[in-house]
Amino acid sequence: MTQLPSFQKTFEVHSYESFYNGQLKPSKLIDYFNDTGENHSETIGHSMENIFQQGFSWIVLSWNVAIEKWPQLRDKITIETWISKVKRCFAYREFLLKNNRNKPIIRASSRWIFYNLTKNRSERIPRNLINLWPISEQETYSDAIQDSAILQQAEYQSFENSYQVQKEDIDILGHVHNTRYVYWGMDNKPEFIKKEYILKHIQVTYHHEIKYPGDIVIKQKMFPLPDKKNMLIHDQIIADNKHKVSAEIVTKWEKRSSL
C-alpha cells in the first residue's frame, strides 16, 4: 500500500488543557504535535516503542510555531503532519493545525535527531528507515525570531525565577520532556503579559538535557518592539548544577486589541 505524505489526527480541547479564559495552553499544543508525530510514525511501522527497544530514539532539537489564532475550550481541531526533509542524522517534521472549517490557524516546523542510546550519540538515519517515509518538501513556517537584532539591544526588562525538577517532568529517556520547558517558559511570564498580551510566535531550541533531581533557573529578558505595543521575550533555561543553558525560548507577544 502506498503511504500518503501526510497524516492527520483530530483533537478536542479539554478544560484541563486550557487557561482560565479557555485558550489552549502552549505546552498542550506541543503535546498535540508530539502525539500526532508519534501516531504518524506508528502507521509506517516505526513506533517510538519499537525503535526504543532497538536502542534508538528521536530527540527534538527545536520548535518554530506561528499562531494566527489559538484554539479554545471544546474546539475540535485537526493537525496534519509530514516529513519535509531528512539529512544525515536529522529529520524535519512539519505541522499544520486547522480549525473545524479546515482553515489553518497554527503552523509549526520542528527538527529532530536520530540518537543511539547505547553509544550515547547521534547516528545517521538508516536508509531502510528513510525509505518508509514519504517526503513532502513543503515547509509550513521558516521565519525565525531567535535571530532578531532586537534581542541584542542593551535596554530590556529582566526577570529571574527558579523551579525544582519533579519526577513527573521526566520522560522515558530519563530526562525532562520537551514540553516541560515550554510549560516553564510560559509559567514564568509576568501576570501583565498573560492578561494583556497574546502569544503569536514561539521558537524553542534545546541545547542540553536536564535530569531529576535538580533545580533550574529561568533568566528572562523583555524587549519592546518598535511599535511600542508588542514585544519579544527571550528565556534562558539553565540547569543550576551545570551552569549552562539547557534551552532557549523566544516568544513574540501582541497587545490584546480588546484592552
C-alpha atoms as a PDB file:
ATOM      1  CA  MET A   1       0.000   0.000   0.000  1.00  0.00           C
ATOM      2  CA  THR A   2       1.339   3.444  -0.924  1.00  0.00           C
ATOM      3  CA  GLN A   3       1.742   5.712   2.098  1.00  0.00           C
ATOM      4  CA  LEU A   4       0.382   9.247   1.860  1.00  0.00           C
ATOM      5  CA  PRO A   5       2.943  12.011   2.510  1.00  0.00           C
ATOM      6  CA  SER A   6       0.948  13.394   5.444  1.00  0.00           C
ATOM      7  CA  PHE A   7      -1.008  12.123   8.428  1.00  0.00           C
ATOM      8  CA  GLN A   8      -3.908  13.759  10.256  1.00  0.00           C
ATOM      9  CA  LYS A   9      -5.269  13.472  13.775  1.00  0.00           C
ATOM     10  CA  THR A  10      -8.251  15.198  15.374  1.00  0.00           C
ATOM     11  CA  PHE A  11      -8.386  16.567  18.926  1.00  0.00           C
ATOM     12  CA  GLU A  12     -10.949  18.256  21.139  1.00  0.00           C
ATOM     13  CA  VAL A  13      -9.637  20.898  23.541  1.00  0.00           C
ATOM     14  CA  HIS A  14     -10.460  19.903  27.135  1.00  0.00           C
ATOM     15  CA  SER A  15     -10.725  22.052  30.253  1.00  0.00           C
ATOM     16  CA  TYR A  16      -7.531  20.648  31.795  1.00  0.00           C
ATOM     17  CA  GLU A  17      -5.644  21.703  28.635  1.00  0.00           C
ATOM     18  CA  SER A  18      -6.890  25.301  28.760  1.00  0.00           C
ATOM     19  CA  PHE A  19      -6.216  28.516  30.650  1.00  0.00           C
ATOM     20  CA  TYR A  20      -8.903  30.246  32.726  1.00  0.00           C
ATOM     21  CA  ASN A  21     -10.014  32.112  29.569  1.00  0.00           C
ATOM     22  CA  GLY A  22     -10.488  28.888  27.605  1.00  0.00           C
ATOM     23  CA  GLN A  23      -7.377  29.221  25.414  1.00  0.00           C
ATOM     24  CA  LEU A  24      -5.341  26.095  24.741  1.00  0.00           C
ATOM     25  CA  LYS A  25      -2.102  26.092  26.743  1.00  0.00           C
ATOM     26  CA  PRO A  26       1.106  26.315  24.639  1.00  0.00           C
ATOM     27  CA  SER A  27       2.607  23.263  26.360  1.00  0.00           C
ATOM     28  CA  LYS A  28      -0.511  21.246  25.470  1.00  0.00           C
ATOM     29  CA  LEU A  29      -0.198  22.402  21.860  1.00  0.00           C
ATOM     30  CA  ILE A  30       3.290  20.869  21.776  1.00  0.00           C
ATOM     31  CA  ASP A  31       1.823  17.721  23.329  1.00  0.00           C
ATOM     32  CA  TYR A  32      -0.651  17.573  20.429  1.00  0.00           C
ATOM     33  CA  PHE A  33       2.211  17.886  17.955  1.00  0.00           C
ATOM     34  CA  ASN A  34       4.176  15.132  19.696  1.00  0.00           C
ATOM     35  CA  ASP A  35       1.170  12.805  19.724  1.00  0.00           C
ATOM     36  CA  THR A  36       0.412  13.410  16.051  1.00  0.00           C
ATOM     37  CA  GLY A  37       4.012  12.802  15.016  1.00  0.00           C
ATOM     38  CA  GLU A  38       4.208   9.590  17.042  1.00  0.00           C
ATOM     39  CA  ASN A  39       0.948   8.315  15.561  1.00  0.00           C
ATOM     40  CA  HIS A  40       2.234   9.102  12.064  1.00  0.00           C
ATOM     41  CA  SER A  41       5.351   7.030  12.756  1.00  0.00           C
ATOM     42  CA  GLU A  42       3.205   4.151  14.037  1.00  0.00           C
ATOM     43  CA  THR A  43       1.296   3.984  10.738  1.00  0.00           C
ATOM     44  CA  ILE A  44       4.526   3.109   8.907  1.00  0.00           C
ATOM     45  CA  GLY A  45       5.625   0.549  11.497  1.00  0.00           C
ATOM     46  CA  HIS A  46       8.084   2.876  13.226  1.00  0.00           C
ATOM     47  CA  SER A  47       6.622   3.439  16.697  1.00  0.00           C
ATOM     48  CA  MET A  48       8.638   5.048  19.484  1.00  0.00           C
ATOM     49  CA  GLU A  49       8.403   1.813  21.488  1.00  0.00           C
ATOM     50  CA  ASN A  50       9.784  -0.162  18.552  1.00  0.00           C
ATOM     51  CA  ILE A  51      12.888   1.949  17.998  1.00  0.00           C
ATOM     52  CA  PHE A  52      13.426   2.317  21.762  1.00  0.00           C
ATOM     53  CA  GLN A  53      13.596  -1.459  22.088  1.00  0.00           C
ATOM     54  CA  GLN A  54      16.234  -1.423  19.340  1.00  0.00           C
ATOM     55  CA  GLY A  55      18.347   1.051  21.318  1.00  0.00           C
ATOM     56  CA  PHE A  56      17.450   4.237  19.440  1.00  0.00           C
ATOM     57  CA  SER A  57      15.271   7.275  19.925  1.00  0.00           C
ATOM     58  CA  TRP A  58      14.227  10.535  18.317  1.00  0.00           C
ATOM     59  CA  ILE A  59      15.152  13.670  20.257  1.00  0.00           C
ATOM     60  CA  VAL A  60      13.633  17.027  19.341  1.00  0.00           C
ATOM     61  CA  LEU A  61      16.104  19.879  18.813  1.00  0.00           C
ATOM     62  CA  SER A  62      13.791  22.778  18.005  1.00  0.00           C
ATOM     63  CA  TRP A  63      10.244  24.057  17.543  1.00  0.00           C
ATOM     64  CA  ASN A  64       9.201  27.055  15.460  1.00  0.00           C
ATOM     65  CA  VAL A  65       5.488  27.813  15.872  1.00  0.00           C
ATOM     66  CA  ALA A  66       3.458  30.690  14.395  1.00  0.00           C
ATOM     67  CA  ILE A  67      -0.032  31.277  15.770  1.00  0.00           C
ATOM     68  CA  GLU A  68      -2.753  33.077  13.845  1.00  0.00           C
ATOM     69  CA  LYS A  69      -5.484  32.131  16.302  1.00  0.00           C
ATOM     70  CA  TRP A  70      -5.474  29.961  19.420  1.00  0.00           C
ATOM     71  CA  PRO A  71      -7.917  27.038  19.735  1.00  0.00           C
ATOM     72  CA  GLN A  72     -10.427  27.454  22.552  1.00  0.00           C
ATOM     73  CA  LEU A  73     -12.142  25.109  25.004  1.00  0.00           C
ATOM     74  CA  ARG A  74     -14.275  22.456  23.250  1.00  0.00           C
ATOM     75  CA  ASP A  75     -12.933  23.366  19.816  1.00  0.00           C
ATOM     76  CA  LYS A  76     -12.424  20.401  17.517  1.00  0.00           C
ATOM     77  CA  ILE A  77      -9.165  20.742  15.613  1.00  0.00           C
ATOM     78  CA  THR A  78      -7.183  18.675  13.135  1.00  0.00           C
ATOM     79  CA  ILE A  79      -3.397  18.508  12.982  1.00  0.00           C
ATOM     80  CA  GLU A  80      -1.699  17.454   9.772  1.00  0.00           C
ATOM     81  CA  THR A  81       1.952  16.418   9.825  1.00  0.00           C
ATOM     82  CA  TRP A  82       4.588  15.246   7.355  1.00  0.00           C
ATOM     83  CA  ILE A  83       8.346  14.878   6.957  1.00  0.00           C
ATOM     84  CA  SER A  84       9.782  17.684   4.807  1.00  0.00           C
ATOM     85  CA  LYS A  85      13.462  16.715   4.790  1.00  0.00           C
ATOM     86  CA  VAL A  86      15.899  14.062   6.003  1.00  0.00           C
ATOM     87  CA  LYS A  87      19.611  14.830   6.183  1.00  0.00           C
ATOM     88  CA  ARG A  88      22.231  12.595   7.802  1.00  0.00           C
ATOM     89  CA  CYS A  89      21.012  12.198  11.411  1.00  0.00           C
ATOM     90  CA  PHE A  90      18.329  14.915  11.178  1.00  0.00           C
ATOM     91  CA  ALA A  91      14.649  14.779  10.234  1.00  0.00           C
ATOM     92  CA  TYR A  92      12.442  17.832   9.749  1.00  0.00           C
ATOM     93  CA  ARG A  93       8.759  17.489  10.606  1.00  0.00           C
ATOM     94  CA  GLU A  94       6.032  19.991   9.716  1.00  0.00           C
ATOM     95  CA  PHE A  95       2.670  20.586  11.395  1.00  0.00           C
ATOM     96  CA  LEU A  96      -0.473  22.372  10.267  1.00  0.00           C
ATOM     97  CA  LEU A  97      -3.283  22.895  12.783  1.00  0.00           C
ATOM     98  CA  LYS A  98      -6.707  23.514  11.247  1.00  0.00           C
ATOM     99  CA  ASN A  99      -9.992  24.568  12.824  1.00  0.00           C
ATOM    100  CA  ASN A 100     -13.320  22.811  12.265  1.00  0.00           C
ATOM    101  CA  ARG A 101     -13.749  24.746   8.998  1.00  0.00           C
ATOM    102  CA  ASN A 102     -10.453  23.277   7.758  1.00  0.00           C
ATOM    103  CA  LYS A 103      -8.715  26.659   7.942  1.00  0.00           C
ATOM    104  CA  PRO A 104      -5.041  26.611   9.066  1.00  0.00           C
ATOM    105  CA  ILE A 105      -4.628  28.681  12.235  1.00  0.00           C
ATOM    106  CA  ILE A 106      -1.243  27.426  13.527  1.00  0.00           C
ATOM    107  CA  ARG A 107       1.857  26.445  11.538  1.00  0.00           C
ATOM    108  CA  ALA A 108       4.897  24.750  13.001  1.00  0.00           C
ATOM    109  CA  SER A 109       8.239  23.278  11.972  1.00  0.00           C
ATOM    110  CA  SER A 110      10.458  21.049  14.075  1.00  0.00           C
ATOM    111  CA  ARG A 111      13.872  19.443  13.846  1.00  0.00           C
ATOM    112  CA  TRP A 112      14.720  16.021  15.280  1.00  0.00           C
ATOM    113  CA  ILE A 113      17.890  13.988  15.702  1.00  0.00           C
ATOM    114  CA  PHE A 114      18.200  10.201  15.485  1.00  0.00           C
ATOM    115  CA  TYR A 115      20.019   9.073  18.609  1.00  0.00           C
ATOM    116  CA  ASN A 116      21.857   5.857  19.515  1.00  0.00           C
ATOM    117  CA  LEU A 117      21.082   5.253  23.203  1.00  0.00           C
ATOM    118  CA  THR A 118      23.780   2.588  23.612  1.00  0.00           C
ATOM    119  CA  LYS A 119      26.577   4.701  22.153  1.00  0.00           C
ATOM    120  CA  ASN A 120      25.106   7.920  23.614  1.00  0.00           C
ATOM    121  CA  ARG A 121      25.499   9.861  20.382  1.00  0.00           C
ATOM    122  CA  SER A 122      23.653  10.819  17.217  1.00  0.00           C
ATOM    123  CA  GLU A 123      23.622   8.359  14.333  1.00  0.00           C
ATOM    124  CA  ARG A 124      22.907   8.590  10.627  1.00  0.00           C
ATOM    125  CA  ILE A 125      19.314   7.629   9.886  1.00  0.00           C
ATOM    126  CA  PRO A 126      19.295   4.141   8.273  1.00  0.00           C
ATOM    127  CA  ARG A 127      18.328   4.038   4.608  1.00  0.00           C
ATOM    128  CA  ASN A 128      15.639   1.416   5.232  1.00  0.00           C
ATOM    129  CA  LEU A 129      14.028   3.783   7.724  1.00  0.00           C
ATOM    130  CA  ILE A 130      14.185   6.747   5.354  1.00  0.00           C
ATOM    131  CA  ASN A 131      12.506   4.644   2.680  1.00  0.00           C
ATOM    132  CA  LEU A 132       9.489   4.161   4.945  1.00  0.00           C
ATOM    133  CA  TRP A 133       8.716   7.886   4.919  1.00  0.00           C
ATOM    134  CA  PRO A 134       7.031   9.631   2.019  1.00  0.00           C
ATOM    135  CA  ILE A 135       8.735  13.049   1.876  1.00  0.00           C
ATOM    136  CA  SER A 136       6.881  16.270   1.105  1.00  0.00           C
ATOM    137  CA  GLU A 137       9.300  19.198   0.801  1.00  0.00           C
ATOM    138  CA  GLN A 138       6.656  21.789   1.666  1.00  0.00           C
ATOM    139  CA  GLU A 139       7.603  23.766   4.785  1.00  0.00           C
ATOM    140  CA  THR A 140       4.878  25.295   6.932  1.00  0.00           C
ATOM    141  CA  TYR A 141       6.917  28.075   8.530  1.00  0.00           C
ATOM    142  CA  SER A 142      10.505  29.261   8.196  1.00  0.00           C
ATOM    143  CA  ASP A 143      10.604  32.780   9.689  1.00  0.00           C
ATOM    144  CA  ALA A 144      12.789  32.959  12.789  1.00  0.00           C
ATOM    145  CA  ILE A 145      12.654  35.340  15.737  1.00  0.00           C
ATOM    146  CA  GLN A 146      15.628  33.942  17.660  1.00  0.00           C
ATOM    147  CA  ASP A 147      17.979  35.800  15.316  1.00  0.00           C
ATOM    148  CA  SER A 148      16.189  39.147  15.670  1.00  0.00           C
ATOM    149  CA  ALA A 149      18.505  42.135  16.155  1.00  0.00           C
ATOM    150  CA  ILE A 150      16.087  43.388  18.790  1.00  0.00           C
ATOM    151  CA  LEU A 151      17.368  40.687  21.148  1.00  0.00           C
ATOM    152  CA  GLN A 152      20.801  42.345  21.041  1.00  0.00           C
ATOM    153  CA  GLN A 153      19.544  45.691  22.358  1.00  0.00           C
ATOM    154  CA  ALA A 154      21.046  46.961  25.582  1.00  0.00           C
ATOM    155  CA  GLU A 155      17.730  48.091  27.082  1.00  0.00           C
ATOM    156  CA  TYR A 156      15.313  45.481  28.379  1.00  0.00           C
ATOM    157  CA  GLN A 157      13.399  44.381  31.458  1.00  0.00           C
ATOM    158  CA  SER A 158      14.743  41.304  33.174  1.00  0.00           C
ATOM    159  CA  PHE A 159      13.209  38.725  35.479  1.00  0.00           C
ATOM    160  CA  GLU A 160      14.538  35.569  37.078  1.00  0.00           C
ATOM    161  CA  ASN A 161      12.775  32.584  38.583  1.00  0.00           C
ATOM    162  CA  SER A 162      13.651  29.085  39.725  1.00  0.00           C
ATOM    163  CA  TYR A 163      11.956  25.693  39.727  1.00  0.00           C
ATOM    164  CA  GLN A 164      12.662  22.271  41.155  1.00  0.00           C
ATOM    165  CA  VAL A 165      12.648  19.413  38.670  1.00  0.00           C
ATOM    166  CA  GLN A 166       9.907  16.939  39.616  1.00  0.00           C
ATOM    167  CA  LYS A 167       9.659  13.222  38.846  1.00  0.00           C
ATOM    168  CA  GLU A 168       6.622  13.860  36.633  1.00  0.00           C
ATOM    169  CA  ASP A 169       8.776  16.137  34.434  1.00  0.00           C
ATOM    170  CA  ILE A 170      10.846  13.135  33.321  1.00  0.00           C
ATOM    171  CA  ASP A 171      10.197  11.162  30.124  1.00  0.00           C
ATOM    172  CA  ILE A 172      11.033   7.607  29.031  1.00  0.00           C
ATOM    173  CA  LEU A 173      14.649   8.615  28.291  1.00  0.00           C
ATOM    174  CA  GLY A 174      15.236   9.762  31.877  1.00  0.00           C
ATOM    175  CA  HIS A 175      15.399  13.499  31.244  1.00  0.00           C
ATOM    176  CA  VAL A 176      12.947  16.400  31.258  1.00  0.00           C
ATOM    177  CA  HIS A 177      10.343  16.059  28.491  1.00  0.00           C
ATOM    178  CA  ASN A 178      10.483  18.713  25.770  1.00  0.00           C
ATOM    179  CA  THR A 179       7.012  20.088  26.594  1.00  0.00           C
ATOM    180  CA  ARG A 180       8.038  20.834  30.172  1.00  0.00           C
ATOM    181  CA  TYR A 181      10.480  23.504  29.015  1.00  0.00           C
ATOM    182  CA  VAL A 182       7.588  25.234  27.248  1.00  0.00           C
ATOM    183  CA  TYR A 183       5.473  24.998  30.403  1.00  0.00           C
ATOM    184  CA  TRP A 184       8.250  26.561  32.484  1.00  0.00           C
ATOM    185  CA  GLY A 185       8.748  29.333  29.949  1.00  0.00           C
ATOM    186  CA  MET A 186       5.051  30.231  29.867  1.00  0.00           C
ATOM    187  CA  ASP A 187       4.543  29.908  33.623  1.00  0.00           C
ATOM    188  CA  ASN A 188       7.480  32.249  34.172  1.00  0.00           C
ATOM    189  CA  LYS A 189       5.826  35.161  32.336  1.00  0.00           C
ATOM    190  CA  PRO A 190       4.695  38.177  34.410  1.00  0.00           C
ATOM    191  CA  GLU A 191       0.953  38.358  35.030  1.00  0.00           C
ATOM    192  CA  PHE A 192       0.527  41.505  32.955  1.00  0.00           C
ATOM    193  CA  ILE A 193       1.918  39.656  29.939  1.00  0.00           C
ATOM    194  CA  LYS A 194      -0.513  36.765  30.401  1.00  0.00           C
ATOM    195  CA  LYS A 195      -3.508  39.094  30.801  1.00  0.00           C
ATOM    196  CA  GLU A 196      -2.740  41.933  28.383  1.00  0.00           C
ATOM    197  CA  TYR A 197      -0.892  40.137  25.566  1.00  0.00           C
ATOM    198  CA  ILE A 198      -1.452  37.127  23.336  1.00  0.00           C
ATOM    199  CA  LEU A 199       1.284  34.746  22.228  1.00  0.00           C
ATOM    200  CA  LYS A 200       1.771  34.830  18.445  1.00  0.00           C
ATOM    201  CA  HIS A 201       5.101  33.085  17.863  1.00  0.00           C
ATOM    202  CA  ILE A 202       7.203  30.670  19.872  1.00  0.00           C
ATOM    203  CA  GLN A 203      10.634  29.350  18.977  1.00  0.00           C
ATOM    204  CA  VAL A 204      12.377  26.774  21.164  1.00  0.00           C
ATOM    205  CA  THR A 205      15.933  25.457  20.869  1.00  0.00           C
ATOM    206  CA  TYR A 206      17.166  22.623  23.093  1.00  0.00           C
ATOM    207  CA  HIS A 207      20.887  22.516  23.912  1.00  0.00           C
ATOM    208  CA  HIS A 208      21.417  20.134  26.851  1.00  0.00           C
ATOM    209  CA  GLU A 209      19.305  17.657  28.786  1.00  0.00           C
ATOM    210  CA  ILE A 210      18.066  18.247  32.340  1.00  0.00           C
ATOM    211  CA  LYS A 211      17.643  15.332  34.738  1.00  0.00           C
ATOM    212  CA  TYR A 212      15.979  14.632  38.071  1.00  0.00           C
ATOM    213  CA  PRO A 213      16.691  15.608  40.790  1.00  0.00           C
ATOM    214  CA  GLY A 214      17.810  19.153  40.215  1.00  0.00           C
ATOM    215  CA  ASP A 215      16.944  22.816  40.046  1.00  0.00           C
ATOM    216  CA  ILE A 216      16.633  25.167  37.114  1.00  0.00           C
ATOM    217  CA  VAL A 217      16.886  28.923  36.766  1.00  0.00           C
ATOM    218  CA  ILE A 218      14.988  30.843  34.089  1.00  0.00           C
ATOM    219  CA  LYS A 219      16.523  34.141  33.049  1.00  0.00           C
ATOM    220  CA  GLN A 220      14.088  36.277  31.101  1.00  0.00           C
ATOM    221  CA  LYS A 221      14.628  39.434  29.057  1.00  0.00           C
ATOM    222  CA  MET A 222      11.735  41.502  27.660  1.00  0.00           C
ATOM    223  CA  PHE A 223      12.322  43.684  24.598  1.00  0.00           C
ATOM    224  CA  PRO A 224       9.659  46.113  23.322  1.00  0.00           C
ATOM    225  CA  LEU A 225       9.208  46.140  19.545  1.00  0.00           C
ATOM    226  CA  PRO A 226       9.456  49.425  17.583  1.00  0.00           C
ATOM    227  CA  ASP A 227       5.655  49.855  17.658  1.00  0.00           C
ATOM    228  CA  LYS A 228       5.932  50.101  21.485  1.00  0.00           C
ATOM    229  CA  LYS A 229       2.897  47.820  21.794  1.00  0.00           C
ATOM    230  CA  ASN A 230       4.223  44.345  21.106  1.00  0.00           C
ATOM    231  CA  MET A 231       7.351  42.644  22.436  1.00  0.00           C
ATOM    232  CA  LEU A 232       9.846  39.837  22.185  1.00  0.00           C
ATOM    233  CA  ILE A 233      10.781  37.830  25.261  1.00  0.00           C
ATOM    234  CA  HIS A 234      13.946  35.749  25.475  1.00  0.00           C
ATOM    235  CA  ASP A 235      14.161  32.977  28.091  1.00  0.00           C
ATOM    236  CA  GLN A 236      17.243  31.005  29.014  1.00  0.00           C
ATOM    237  CA  ILE A 237      16.570  27.817  30.984  1.00  0.00           C
ATOM    238  CA  ILE A 238      19.663  26.913  32.962  1.00  0.00           C
ATOM    239  CA  ALA A 239      20.370  23.705  34.858  1.00  0.00           C
ATOM    240  CA  ASP A 240      21.558  25.119  38.176  1.00  0.00           C
ATOM    241  CA  ASN A 241      24.071  22.346  38.859  1.00  0.00           C
ATOM    242  CA  LYS A 242      25.755  22.689  35.449  1.00  0.00           C
ATOM    243  CA  HIS A 243      25.547  26.463  34.999  1.00  0.00           C
ATOM    244  CA  LYS A 244      24.944  26.155  31.269  1.00  0.00           C
ATOM    245  CA  VAL A 245      21.980  26.979  29.084  1.00  0.00           C
ATOM    246  CA  SER A 246      19.848  23.885  28.515  1.00  0.00           C
ATOM    247  CA  ALA A 247      17.219  25.555  26.339  1.00  0.00           C
ATOM    248  CA  GLU A 248      16.289  28.923  24.871  1.00  0.00           C
ATOM    249  CA  ILE A 249      12.766  30.124  24.191  1.00  0.00           C
ATOM    250  CA  VAL A 250      11.961  33.270  22.228  1.00  0.00           C
ATOM    251  CA  THR A 251       8.347  34.410  22.098  1.00  0.00           C
ATOM    252  CA  LYS A 252       6.513  37.225  20.335  1.00  0.00           C
ATOM    253  CA  TRP A 253       3.567  38.790  22.139  1.00  0.00           C
ATOM    254  CA  GLU A 254       0.937  41.124  20.710  1.00  0.00           C
ATOM    255  CA  LYS A 255      -1.178  43.513  22.762  1.00  0.00           C
ATOM    256  CA  ARG A 256      -4.768  42.342  23.004  1.00  0.00           C
ATOM    257  CA  SER A 257      -6.960  44.679  20.979  1.00  0.00           C
ATOM    258  CA  SER A 258      -9.822  44.480  23.478  1.00  0.00           C
ATOM    259  CA  LEU A 259      -7.758  46.125  26.205  1.00  0.00           C
END
